[in-house]
Amino acid sequence: MSSKKSEYHHGDLRESLLKAARETLEQEGASGLSLRDLARRTGVSHGAPYRHFASRQDLLAALAAEGFNELSQCLRAKEDTSLKAMGEAYIAFAVVNPSLYKLMFSPELDRTKPQFLSDSASEAFNRLRKQTGRADQDQSGTLAAWALVHGLSGILIDRLLAKELLDPEELPELIESVLGHLDIAKSNNGSQKID
């Protein structure tokens, strides 16, 4: 099959490549991603992915930006509730998308470039900052909230807790209890305490 027919068959090759990359990421981790393998998986010529991603690094940045956009949507859905609910949404996203989440915060990526990645990462952080009520330059409340949800997400993804704490029946209560400490971050701002 020619690459022209394959691309036509896919409709949107870029989206097909990202979908295949996401599947590979979840199955094999970031180390399993290559543009050549994605071309094979999507049934296009080896050169076709390079029309959309100049390098593997560009592909990783696009995947990470996609992840930050999804995280931002999860947080946006909880903006009118509480900081605790927003924290639960953050952790749920991380636990459901562990490989993507790890890629988003990987030291392999420079989240300041390209610009679309920087914008996506900033939007997610700004949603958290808005919820903590930080209008001034001191972002300690936001950082405290982020450190809590980011740290707990990593602990859960890496299964660093005792087996009984990771029991699916016990986990929601544990998360709720830990996120109760977000009250401190919110109340230290002089804002109302969360539910």
Protein backbone atom coordinates (compact mmCIF):
# COMPACT_ATOMS: atom_id res chain seq x y z
CA MET A 1 0.00 0.00 0.00
CA SER A 2 1.45 3.39 -0.91
CA SER A 3 1.97 6.01 1.74
CA LYS A 4 -0.48 8.31 -0.07
CA LYS A 5 -3.25 5.69 0.18
CA SER A 6 -2.34 4.91 3.80
CA GLU A 7 -2.52 8.56 4.79
CA TYR A 8 -5.84 8.92 3.00
CA HIS A 9 -7.10 5.81 4.75
CA HIS A 10 -6.13 7.27 8.14
CA GLY A 11 -7.83 10.57 7.42
CA ASP A 12 -5.74 12.46 9.95
CA LEU A 13 -2.32 10.85 10.07
CA ARG A 14 -1.12 13.05 12.91
CA GLU A 15 -3.98 11.90 15.13
CA SER A 16 -3.44 8.28 14.09
CA LEU A 17 0.23 8.57 15.01
CA LEU A 18 -0.58 10.13 18.37
CA LYS A 19 -3.14 7.42 19.12
CA ALA A 20 -0.64 4.68 18.25
CA ALA A 21 2.04 6.46 20.29
CA ARG A 22 -0.28 6.65 23.28
CA GLU A 23 -1.03 2.93 23.05
CA THR A 24 2.69 2.14 22.80
CA LEU A 25 3.42 4.47 25.71
CA GLU A 26 0.93 2.69 27.97
CA GLN A 27 2.17 -0.77 26.94
CA GLU A 28 5.93 -0.22 26.77
CA GLY A 29 6.69 3.16 28.31
CA ALA A 30 8.41 6.09 26.62
CA SER A 31 11.50 4.01 25.82
CA GLY A 32 9.39 1.90 23.43
CA LEU A 33 8.44 4.87 21.26
CA SER A 34 10.05 5.42 17.87
CA LEU A 35 8.77 7.15 14.75
CA ARG A 36 9.80 4.17 12.63
CA ASP A 37 7.73 1.78 14.76
CA LEU A 38 4.77 4.17 14.67
CA ALA A 39 4.96 4.24 10.87
CA ARG A 40 4.82 0.44 10.86
CA ARG A 41 1.94 0.36 13.34
CA THR A 42 -0.12 2.87 11.38
CA GLY A 43 0.69 1.32 7.99
CA VAL A 44 2.48 4.27 6.41
CA SER A 45 5.94 4.75 4.94
CA HIS A 46 8.86 5.25 7.32
CA GLY A 47 9.14 8.88 6.27
CA ALA A 48 5.46 9.78 6.72
CA PRO A 49 5.59 10.51 10.49
CA TYR A 50 8.33 13.08 9.91
CA ARG A 51 5.83 15.29 8.11
CA HIS A 52 4.14 15.78 11.49
CA PHE A 53 6.97 15.24 14.01
CA ALA A 54 10.50 16.33 13.14
CA SER A 55 11.94 14.01 15.79
CA ARG A 56 11.09 11.59 18.56
CA GLN A 57 11.43 14.53 20.96
CA ASP A 58 8.71 16.42 19.05
CA LEU A 59 6.46 13.37 19.34
CA LEU A 60 7.06 13.18 23.11
CA ALA A 61 6.30 16.90 23.47
CA ALA A 62 3.04 16.46 21.54
CA LEU A 63 2.02 13.52 23.74
CA ALA A 64 2.86 15.44 26.92
CA ALA A 65 0.90 18.49 25.71
CA GLU A 66 -2.06 16.22 25.00
CA GLY A 67 -1.75 14.90 28.55
CA PHE A 68 -1.63 18.38 30.10
CA ASN A 69 -4.68 19.39 28.05
CA GLU A 70 -6.59 16.36 29.35
CA LEU A 71 -5.47 17.07 32.92
CA SER A 72 -6.57 20.67 32.52
CA GLN A 73 -10.01 19.51 31.37
CA CYS A 74 -10.28 17.24 34.43
CA LEU A 75 -9.38 20.16 36.70
CA ARG A 76 -11.71 22.56 34.88
CA ALA A 77 -14.60 20.19 35.53
CA LYS A 78 -13.99 20.63 39.29
CA GLU A 79 -13.34 24.40 39.39
CA ASP A 80 -16.74 25.20 40.85
CA THR A 81 -16.47 22.59 43.60
CA SER A 82 -13.53 22.45 45.97
CA LEU A 83 -9.76 22.22 46.05
CA LYS A 84 -10.14 18.72 47.46
CA ALA A 85 -12.34 17.66 44.52
CA MET A 86 -9.80 19.16 42.15
CA GLY A 87 -7.06 17.18 43.91
CA GLU A 88 -9.09 13.98 43.54
CA ALA A 89 -9.50 14.70 39.81
CA TYR A 90 -5.74 15.25 39.47
CA ILE A 91 -4.93 11.95 41.17
CA ALA A 92 -7.59 10.06 39.21
CA PHE A 93 -6.08 11.33 35.95
CA ALA A 94 -2.58 10.27 37.02
CA VAL A 95 -3.64 6.80 38.17
CA VAL A 96 -5.67 6.08 35.02
CA ASN A 97 -2.86 7.34 32.73
CA PRO A 98 0.33 6.35 34.56
CA SER A 99 2.74 6.25 31.62
CA LEU A 100 1.42 9.48 30.13
CA TYR A 101 1.58 11.16 33.53
CA LYS A 102 5.20 10.06 34.01
CA LEU A 103 6.07 11.37 30.54
CA MET A 104 4.44 14.74 31.30
CA PHE A 105 6.80 15.26 34.23
CA SER A 106 9.79 13.41 32.82
CA PRO A 107 13.19 15.10 33.07
CA GLU A 108 13.58 14.01 29.43
CA LEU A 109 11.23 16.87 28.47
CA ASP A 110 11.82 20.59 28.70
CA ARG A 111 8.34 21.85 29.56
CA THR A 112 9.29 25.41 28.54
CA LYS A 113 9.51 24.50 24.85
CA PRO A 114 8.03 24.09 22.39
CA GLN A 115 5.57 26.84 23.17
CA PHE A 116 2.49 24.61 22.85
CA LEU A 117 3.86 22.32 25.58
CA SER A 118 4.70 25.27 27.83
CA ASP A 119 1.19 26.69 27.34
CA SER A 120 -0.49 23.35 28.10
CA ALA A 121 1.56 22.76 31.26
CA SER A 122 0.99 26.33 32.45
CA GLU A 123 -2.75 26.10 31.93
CA ALA A 124 -3.02 23.05 34.19
CA PHE A 125 -0.92 24.71 36.92
CA ASN A 126 -2.89 27.97 36.61
CA ARG A 127 -6.17 26.14 37.21
CA LEU A 128 -4.75 24.87 40.50
CA ARG A 129 -3.40 28.33 41.35
CA LYS A 130 -6.80 29.89 40.67
CA GLN A 131 -8.45 27.38 43.01
CA THR A 132 -6.02 28.12 45.85
CA GLY A 133 -6.92 31.80 45.58
CA ARG A 134 -3.41 33.05 44.94
CA ALA A 135 -3.69 36.42 43.23
CA ASP A 136 -0.34 37.69 44.54
CA GLN A 137 3.20 36.60 43.70
CA ASP A 138 3.51 34.20 46.66
CA GLN A 139 2.54 30.82 45.26
CA SER A 140 3.30 28.77 48.36
CA GLY A 141 -0.31 27.63 48.78
CA THR A 142 -0.47 26.49 45.18
CA LEU A 143 2.89 24.74 45.46
CA ALA A 144 1.81 23.02 48.67
CA ALA A 145 -1.37 21.75 47.01
CA TRP A 146 0.50 20.65 43.90
CA ALA A 147 3.23 18.94 45.93
CA LEU A 148 0.57 16.99 47.81
CA VAL A 149 -1.39 15.77 44.77
CA HIS A 150 1.70 15.24 42.61
CA GLY A 151 3.50 13.34 45.35
CA LEU A 152 0.50 11.16 46.19
CA SER A 153 -0.02 10.44 42.49
CA GLY A 154 3.56 9.23 42.16
CA ILE A 155 3.30 7.10 45.29
CA LEU A 156 0.13 5.43 43.99
CA ILE A 157 1.46 4.90 40.45
CA ASP A 158 4.67 3.34 41.76
CA ARG A 159 2.73 1.32 44.37
CA LEU A 160 4.97 2.49 47.19
CA LEU A 161 2.38 1.92 49.91
CA ALA A 162 1.71 -1.20 51.91
CA LYS A 163 -0.45 -3.67 49.98
CA GLU A 164 -3.44 -3.23 52.30
CA LEU A 165 -3.45 0.55 51.67
CA LEU A 166 -3.56 -0.04 47.92
CA ASP A 167 -6.64 -2.26 48.24
CA PRO A 168 -9.25 -0.79 45.85
CA GLU A 169 -11.82 -0.74 48.66
CA GLU A 170 -9.51 1.18 51.03
CA LEU A 171 -7.87 3.52 48.54
CA PRO A 172 -10.66 6.12 48.14
CA GLU A 173 -10.78 6.67 51.91
CA LEU A 174 -7.00 7.00 52.07
CA ILE A 175 -6.97 9.56 49.23
CA GLU A 176 -9.78 11.52 50.85
CA SER A 177 -7.97 11.53 54.18
CA VAL A 178 -4.67 12.67 52.67
CA LEU A 179 -6.37 15.35 50.59
CA GLY A 180 -7.95 16.70 53.75
CA HIS A 181 -4.58 18.41 54.19
CA LEU A 182 -5.46 20.63 51.25
CA ASP A 183 -7.58 22.50 53.81
CA ILE A 184 -4.31 23.86 55.17
CA ALA A 185 -3.16 25.18 51.80
CA LYS A 186 -6.51 26.86 51.22
CA SER A 187 -6.99 28.26 54.74
CA ASN A 188 -3.45 29.66 54.82
CA ASN A 189 -4.51 31.93 51.99
CA GLY A 190 -7.14 33.51 54.17
CA SER A 191 -9.77 31.95 51.94
CA GLN A 192 -12.65 29.79 53.04
CA LYS A 193 -11.88 26.20 53.93
CA ILE A 194 -12.85 23.55 51.44
CA ASP A 195 -15.50 20.90 51.98
